[in-house]
Amino acid sequence: MSIILIPLLTVIYYALDLYMYVVVAMVIYSWLLAFGVINTYNHMVRSIGDVLARLTEPVLWRIRRVLPDFGAVDVSPIALWLIIMFLKMVIERLMGVVGTL
């Protein structure tokens, strides 16, 4: 059982780790866009923003529905980071338990 479970948990762990970087990239992109540093008339910038939005918005939208409105401050990426960190800790514990069986 651990022959399949440990590699599966490892892949999920690294996918969550990669998704954390995608969330950070989306936050940085939104800041740069809000402060006028980047221009969405550029096709490449618009494509990067579209990819980041498609990867993060389905999850962030669900979190925004649950969290109270804080006005102009969006705390959903922080909540998502905390959820991902919790899931990574659970996976680490599961990998330790499964590895000892």
Protein backbone atom coordinates (compact mmCIF):
# COMPACT_ATOMS: atom_id res chain seq x y z
CA MET A 1 0.00 0.00 0.00
CA SER A 2 2.77 2.46 0.83
CA ILE A 3 4.35 1.70 -2.55
CA ILE A 4 1.58 3.66 -4.21
CA LEU A 5 0.56 6.01 -1.42
CA ILE A 6 3.91 7.66 -0.67
CA PRO A 7 4.62 8.68 -4.30
CA LEU A 8 1.03 9.90 -4.65
CA LEU A 9 1.29 11.99 -1.50
CA THR A 10 4.66 13.32 -2.70
CA VAL A 11 3.17 14.43 -6.02
CA ILE A 12 0.25 16.11 -4.23
CA TYR A 13 2.68 17.79 -1.84
CA TYR A 14 4.77 19.23 -4.68
CA ALA A 15 1.64 20.28 -6.62
CA LEU A 16 0.46 22.22 -3.56
CA ASP A 17 3.93 23.75 -3.24
CA LEU A 18 3.83 24.83 -6.90
CA TYR A 19 0.32 26.23 -6.45
CA MET A 20 1.57 28.40 -3.58
CA TYR A 21 4.00 30.03 -6.03
CA VAL A 22 1.18 30.55 -8.52
CA VAL A 23 -0.84 32.35 -5.83
CA VAL A 24 2.16 34.57 -5.03
CA ALA A 25 2.59 35.34 -8.74
CA MET A 26 -1.09 36.30 -8.97
CA VAL A 27 -0.79 38.62 -5.96
CA ILE A 28 2.32 40.29 -7.40
CA TYR A 29 0.64 40.59 -10.81
CA SER A 30 -2.44 42.22 -9.26
CA TRP A 31 -0.26 44.69 -7.32
CA LEU A 32 1.73 45.61 -10.42
CA LEU A 33 -1.50 46.06 -12.33
CA ALA A 34 -3.09 48.18 -9.59
CA PHE A 35 -0.07 50.51 -9.36
CA GLY A 36 0.18 50.89 -13.13
CA VAL A 37 3.59 49.27 -13.44
CA ILE A 38 2.48 46.81 -16.11
CA ASN A 39 0.27 47.45 -19.10
CA THR A 40 -2.50 45.04 -20.09
CA TYR A 41 -2.41 46.31 -23.68
CA ASN A 42 0.67 44.12 -24.09
CA HIS A 43 -0.46 40.70 -25.32
CA MET A 44 2.12 38.80 -23.27
CA VAL A 45 1.20 40.56 -20.03
CA ARG A 46 -2.49 39.98 -20.71
CA SER A 47 -1.83 36.28 -21.42
CA ILE A 48 0.13 35.83 -18.19
CA GLY A 49 -2.63 37.52 -16.22
CA ASP A 50 -5.25 35.35 -17.90
CA VAL A 51 -3.37 32.15 -17.05
CA LEU A 52 -2.84 33.23 -13.46
CA ALA A 53 -6.51 34.18 -13.11
CA ARG A 54 -7.68 30.87 -14.58
CA LEU A 55 -5.48 28.97 -12.14
CA THR A 56 -6.33 30.90 -8.99
CA GLU A 57 -9.76 32.50 -9.34
CA PRO A 58 -11.88 29.31 -9.02
CA VAL A 59 -10.36 28.63 -5.60
CA LEU A 60 -10.15 32.25 -4.47
CA TRP A 61 -13.76 32.87 -5.48
CA ARG A 62 -14.97 30.11 -3.15
CA ILE A 63 -12.88 31.52 -0.31
CA ARG A 64 -14.20 35.06 -0.95
CA ARG A 65 -17.77 33.79 -0.58
CA VAL A 66 -16.98 32.56 2.95
CA LEU A 67 -14.79 35.42 4.21
CA PRO A 68 -16.33 38.71 5.31
CA ASP A 69 -15.80 41.78 3.15
CA PHE A 70 -12.81 43.86 4.25
CA GLY A 71 -13.35 46.62 1.71
CA ALA A 72 -10.46 47.16 -0.68
CA VAL A 73 -8.26 44.54 1.02
CA ASP A 74 -8.50 41.03 -0.41
CA VAL A 75 -7.41 38.49 2.21
CA SER A 76 -8.46 35.43 0.22
CA PRO A 77 -4.88 34.70 -1.02
CA ILE A 78 -3.69 34.71 2.60
CA ALA A 79 -6.48 32.32 3.57
CA LEU A 80 -5.60 30.10 0.61
CA TRP A 81 -1.95 30.08 1.67
CA LEU A 82 -2.93 29.01 5.18
CA ILE A 83 -5.16 26.24 3.80
CA ILE A 84 -2.37 24.99 1.53
CA MET A 85 0.13 25.07 4.41
CA PHE A 86 -2.30 23.06 6.55
CA LEU A 87 -2.75 20.49 3.77
CA LYS A 88 1.01 20.21 3.30
CA MET A 89 1.46 19.56 7.04
CA VAL A 90 -1.22 16.86 6.93
CA ILE A 91 0.49 15.24 3.95
CA GLU A 92 3.86 15.35 5.75
CA ARG A 93 2.31 13.57 8.75
CA LEU A 94 0.62 11.01 6.51
CA MET A 95 3.88 10.32 4.71
CA GLY A 96 5.57 9.76 8.07
CA VAL A 97 2.84 7.40 9.25
CA VAL A 98 2.64 5.48 5.98
CA GLY A 99 6.43 5.24 5.78
CA THR A 100 6.62 3.46 9.13
CA LEU A 101 4.02 0.82 8.22
